[in-house]
Amino acid sequence: MRASYYAKAFHELTAAQTIEGGTLVKQFVATIIGNGHAHMFPKIVRSLERHLRREEKKSTIEVTSAKELSPAQVSGLLRQEPFKHALSAKHKKVQRKTDETLVGGVVVRTGAFRIDASYKRSLAELYQSLTSQ
């Protein structure tokens, strides 16, 4: 048995919320000890932390722009093409960042998508097309 299996099972049980938290932890610990895997507790905790970070990353949208955007501007931007196709109901958190190397435009990142609508990328593509001929 791998520690990641225990971590994933624990996460799924806590997400389902079918058993009260304190009882769930006691039963989970008893199961691990009963299986003779008590030595795996540190690895299980690390695996659970990694799993939770991955889940949080999947539910976070990161909007990077050349200048600071207000929450209303970001909300309006995410409803426009091509960004609205990257959004889903699982996205719960929006992080706003600034990057002075962007000339203008925005870069939107989600767990699976990266949409680069920045002027920096457009200028780089233009430069590549001009110098490749």
C-alpha atoms as a PDB file:
ATOM      1  CA  MET A   1       0.000   0.000   0.000  1.00  0.00           C
ATOM      2  CA  ARG A   2       1.281   3.438  -0.890  1.00  0.00           C
ATOM      3  CA  ALA A   3       0.959   6.524   1.275  1.00  0.00           C
ATOM      4  CA  SER A   4      -0.642   8.406  -1.617  1.00  0.00           C
ATOM      5  CA  TYR A   5      -3.503   5.876  -1.685  1.00  0.00           C
ATOM      6  CA  TYR A   6      -4.244   6.532   1.977  1.00  0.00           C
ATOM      7  CA  ALA A   7      -4.002  10.293   1.425  1.00  0.00           C
ATOM      8  CA  LYS A   8      -6.376  10.219  -1.529  1.00  0.00           C
ATOM      9  CA  ALA A   9      -8.850   8.018   0.344  1.00  0.00           C
ATOM     10  CA  PHE A  10      -8.782  10.337   3.361  1.00  0.00           C
ATOM     11  CA  HIS A  11      -9.334  13.385   1.153  1.00  0.00           C
ATOM     12  CA  GLU A  12     -12.292  11.758  -0.592  1.00  0.00           C
ATOM     13  CA  LEU A  13     -13.834  10.767   2.735  1.00  0.00           C
ATOM     14  CA  THR A  14     -13.504  14.277   4.153  1.00  0.00           C
ATOM     15  CA  ALA A  15     -14.930  15.790   0.967  1.00  0.00           C
ATOM     16  CA  ALA A  16     -17.940  13.463   1.085  1.00  0.00           C
ATOM     17  CA  GLN A  17     -18.627  14.487   4.723  1.00  0.00           C
ATOM     18  CA  THR A  18     -20.590  11.315   5.416  1.00  0.00           C
ATOM     19  CA  ILE A  19     -18.837  10.788   8.762  1.00  0.00           C
ATOM     20  CA  GLU A  20     -18.165  13.403  11.446  1.00  0.00           C
ATOM     21  CA  GLY A  21     -14.567  14.725  11.333  1.00  0.00           C
ATOM     22  CA  GLY A  22     -13.354  13.442  14.716  1.00  0.00           C
ATOM     23  CA  THR A  23     -14.836   9.992  14.184  1.00  0.00           C
ATOM     24  CA  LEU A  24     -13.409   9.828  10.675  1.00  0.00           C
ATOM     25  CA  VAL A  25      -9.888  10.589  11.869  1.00  0.00           C
ATOM     26  CA  LYS A  26     -10.092   8.001  14.660  1.00  0.00           C
ATOM     27  CA  GLN A  27     -11.360   5.320  12.274  1.00  0.00           C
ATOM     28  CA  PHE A  28      -8.767   6.231   9.648  1.00  0.00           C
ATOM     29  CA  VAL A  29      -5.893   6.049  12.148  1.00  0.00           C
ATOM     30  CA  ALA A  30      -7.220   2.739  13.502  1.00  0.00           C
ATOM     31  CA  THR A  31      -7.394   1.319   9.977  1.00  0.00           C
ATOM     32  CA  ILE A  32      -3.812   2.340   9.183  1.00  0.00           C
ATOM     33  CA  ILE A  33      -2.521   0.866  12.448  1.00  0.00           C
ATOM     34  CA  GLY A  34      -4.637  -2.255  11.934  1.00  0.00           C
ATOM     35  CA  ASN A  35      -3.062  -2.743   8.513  1.00  0.00           C
ATOM     36  CA  GLY A  36       0.400  -2.492  10.077  1.00  0.00           C
ATOM     37  CA  HIS A  37       1.246   0.759   8.300  1.00  0.00           C
ATOM     38  CA  ALA A  38       1.727   3.079  11.285  1.00  0.00           C
ATOM     39  CA  HIS A  39       5.269   3.792  10.084  1.00  0.00           C
ATOM     40  CA  MET A  40       3.739   5.486   7.004  1.00  0.00           C
ATOM     41  CA  PHE A  41       2.034   8.352   8.888  1.00  0.00           C
ATOM     42  CA  PRO A  42       4.664  11.006   7.926  1.00  0.00           C
ATOM     43  CA  LYS A  43       4.486   9.967   4.271  1.00  0.00           C
ATOM     44  CA  ILE A  44       0.689   9.976   4.346  1.00  0.00           C
ATOM     45  CA  VAL A  45       0.661  13.521   5.731  1.00  0.00           C
ATOM     46  CA  ARG A  46       3.094  14.720   3.038  1.00  0.00           C
ATOM     47  CA  SER A  47       1.048  13.007   0.326  1.00  0.00           C
ATOM     48  CA  LEU A  48      -2.131  14.584   1.655  1.00  0.00           C
ATOM     49  CA  GLU A  49      -0.500  18.036   1.616  1.00  0.00           C
ATOM     50  CA  ARG A  50       0.628  17.520  -2.006  1.00  0.00           C
ATOM     51  CA  HIS A  51      -2.839  16.310  -2.978  1.00  0.00           C
ATOM     52  CA  LEU A  52      -4.500  19.341  -1.351  1.00  0.00           C
ATOM     53  CA  ARG A  53      -2.092  21.741  -3.106  1.00  0.00           C
ATOM     54  CA  ARG A  54      -2.934  20.138  -6.461  1.00  0.00           C
ATOM     55  CA  GLU A  55      -6.654  20.415  -5.752  1.00  0.00           C
ATOM     56  CA  GLU A  56      -6.296  24.071  -4.773  1.00  0.00           C
ATOM     57  CA  LYS A  57      -4.302  24.785  -7.922  1.00  0.00           C
ATOM     58  CA  LYS A  58      -7.058  23.230 -10.034  1.00  0.00           C
ATOM     59  CA  SER A  59      -9.670  25.471  -8.420  1.00  0.00           C
ATOM     60  CA  THR A  60      -7.630  28.683  -8.760  1.00  0.00           C
ATOM     61  CA  ILE A  61      -7.554  31.069 -11.700  1.00  0.00           C
ATOM     62  CA  GLU A  62      -4.443  33.221 -11.976  1.00  0.00           C
ATOM     63  CA  VAL A  63      -4.787  36.467 -13.930  1.00  0.00           C
ATOM     64  CA  THR A  64      -1.492  38.211 -14.702  1.00  0.00           C
ATOM     65  CA  SER A  65      -1.535  41.679 -16.239  1.00  0.00           C
ATOM     66  CA  ALA A  66       0.827  44.561 -16.917  1.00  0.00           C
ATOM     67  CA  LYS A  67      -1.012  46.827 -14.464  1.00  0.00           C
ATOM     68  CA  GLU A  68      -3.158  46.183 -11.398  1.00  0.00           C
ATOM     69  CA  LEU A  69      -6.730  45.196 -12.280  1.00  0.00           C
ATOM     70  CA  SER A  70      -9.719  45.648 -10.001  1.00  0.00           C
ATOM     71  CA  PRO A  71     -11.910  42.664  -9.122  1.00  0.00           C
ATOM     72  CA  ALA A  72     -14.663  44.068 -11.363  1.00  0.00           C
ATOM     73  CA  GLN A  73     -12.262  44.361 -14.317  1.00  0.00           C
ATOM     74  CA  VAL A  74     -11.068  40.781 -13.804  1.00  0.00           C
ATOM     75  CA  SER A  75     -14.645  39.516 -13.542  1.00  0.00           C
ATOM     76  CA  GLY A  76     -15.586  41.262 -16.784  1.00  0.00           C
ATOM     77  CA  LEU A  77     -12.452  40.014 -18.510  1.00  0.00           C
ATOM     78  CA  LEU A  78     -13.105  36.400 -17.563  1.00  0.00           C
ATOM     79  CA  ARG A  79     -16.558  36.559 -19.185  1.00  0.00           C
ATOM     80  CA  GLN A  80     -15.074  37.524 -22.557  1.00  0.00           C
ATOM     81  CA  GLU A  81     -13.664  35.391 -25.356  1.00  0.00           C
ATOM     82  CA  PRO A  82     -11.370  33.374 -25.220  1.00  0.00           C
ATOM     83  CA  PHE A  83     -11.218  33.269 -21.420  1.00  0.00           C
ATOM     84  CA  LYS A  84     -14.783  32.133 -20.730  1.00  0.00           C
ATOM     85  CA  HIS A  85     -14.027  28.700 -22.223  1.00  0.00           C
ATOM     86  CA  ALA A  86     -11.322  28.044 -19.611  1.00  0.00           C
ATOM     87  CA  LEU A  87     -13.711  28.628 -16.707  1.00  0.00           C
ATOM     88  CA  SER A  88     -15.827  26.025 -14.985  1.00  0.00           C
ATOM     89  CA  ALA A  89     -17.864  25.663 -11.812  1.00  0.00           C
ATOM     90  CA  LYS A  90     -14.881  24.172  -9.963  1.00  0.00           C
ATOM     91  CA  HIS A  91     -12.963  27.469 -10.114  1.00  0.00           C
ATOM     92  CA  LYS A  92     -13.504  29.131  -6.753  1.00  0.00           C
ATOM     93  CA  LYS A  93     -10.555  31.473  -6.306  1.00  0.00           C
ATOM     94  CA  VAL A  94      -9.069  34.215  -8.480  1.00  0.00           C
ATOM     95  CA  GLN A  95      -5.514  35.454  -7.946  1.00  0.00           C
ATOM     96  CA  ARG A  96      -4.546  38.766  -9.496  1.00  0.00           C
ATOM     97  CA  LYS A  97      -0.878  39.375 -10.278  1.00  0.00           C
ATOM     98  CA  THR A  98       1.097  42.033 -12.085  1.00  0.00           C
ATOM     99  CA  ASP A  99       4.099  41.507 -14.321  1.00  0.00           C
ATOM    100  CA  GLU A 100       6.053  44.551 -15.485  1.00  0.00           C
ATOM    101  CA  THR A 101       7.553  42.579 -18.403  1.00  0.00           C
ATOM    102  CA  LEU A 102       4.135  42.407 -20.058  1.00  0.00           C
ATOM    103  CA  VAL A 103       3.594  45.396 -22.305  1.00  0.00           C
ATOM    104  CA  GLY A 104      -0.177  45.003 -22.127  1.00  0.00           C
ATOM    105  CA  GLY A 105      -2.899  42.391 -22.247  1.00  0.00           C
ATOM    106  CA  VAL A 106      -3.291  39.496 -19.824  1.00  0.00           C
ATOM    107  CA  VAL A 107      -2.241  35.910 -19.205  1.00  0.00           C
ATOM    108  CA  VAL A 108      -4.857  33.626 -17.619  1.00  0.00           C
ATOM    109  CA  ARG A 109      -3.808  30.318 -16.062  1.00  0.00           C
ATOM    110  CA  THR A 110      -6.006  27.579 -14.667  1.00  0.00           C
ATOM    111  CA  GLY A 111      -5.140  24.025 -13.722  1.00  0.00           C
ATOM    112  CA  ALA A 112      -5.305  22.789 -17.315  1.00  0.00           C
ATOM    113  CA  PHE A 113      -5.216  25.930 -19.457  1.00  0.00           C
ATOM    114  CA  ARG A 114      -2.911  28.841 -20.137  1.00  0.00           C
ATOM    115  CA  ILE A 115      -4.333  31.581 -22.337  1.00  0.00           C
ATOM    116  CA  ASP A 116      -1.733  34.160 -23.285  1.00  0.00           C
ATOM    117  CA  ALA A 117      -3.410  37.277 -24.677  1.00  0.00           C
ATOM    118  CA  SER A 118      -0.484  39.561 -23.863  1.00  0.00           C
ATOM    119  CA  TYR A 119       1.138  42.070 -26.160  1.00  0.00           C
ATOM    120  CA  LYS A 120       4.495  40.587 -25.190  1.00  0.00           C
ATOM    121  CA  ARG A 121       3.570  37.256 -26.819  1.00  0.00           C
ATOM    122  CA  SER A 122       2.103  39.004 -29.861  1.00  0.00           C
ATOM    123  CA  LEU A 123       5.271  41.056 -30.321  1.00  0.00           C
ATOM    124  CA  ALA A 124       7.447  37.952 -29.933  1.00  0.00           C
ATOM    125  CA  GLU A 125       5.391  36.108 -32.569  1.00  0.00           C
ATOM    126  CA  LEU A 126       5.632  39.099 -34.910  1.00  0.00           C
ATOM    127  CA  TYR A 127       9.403  39.224 -34.421  1.00  0.00           C
ATOM    128  CA  GLN A 128       9.687  35.476 -35.119  1.00  0.00           C
ATOM    129  CA  SER A 129       7.652  35.741 -38.315  1.00  0.00           C
ATOM    130  CA  LEU A 130       9.684  38.728 -39.557  1.00  0.00           C
ATOM    131  CA  THR A 131      13.079  37.191 -38.846  1.00  0.00           C
ATOM    132  CA  SER A 132      12.262  33.670 -40.100  1.00  0.00           C
ATOM    133  CA  GLN A 133      11.855  34.776 -43.736  1.00  0.00           C
END
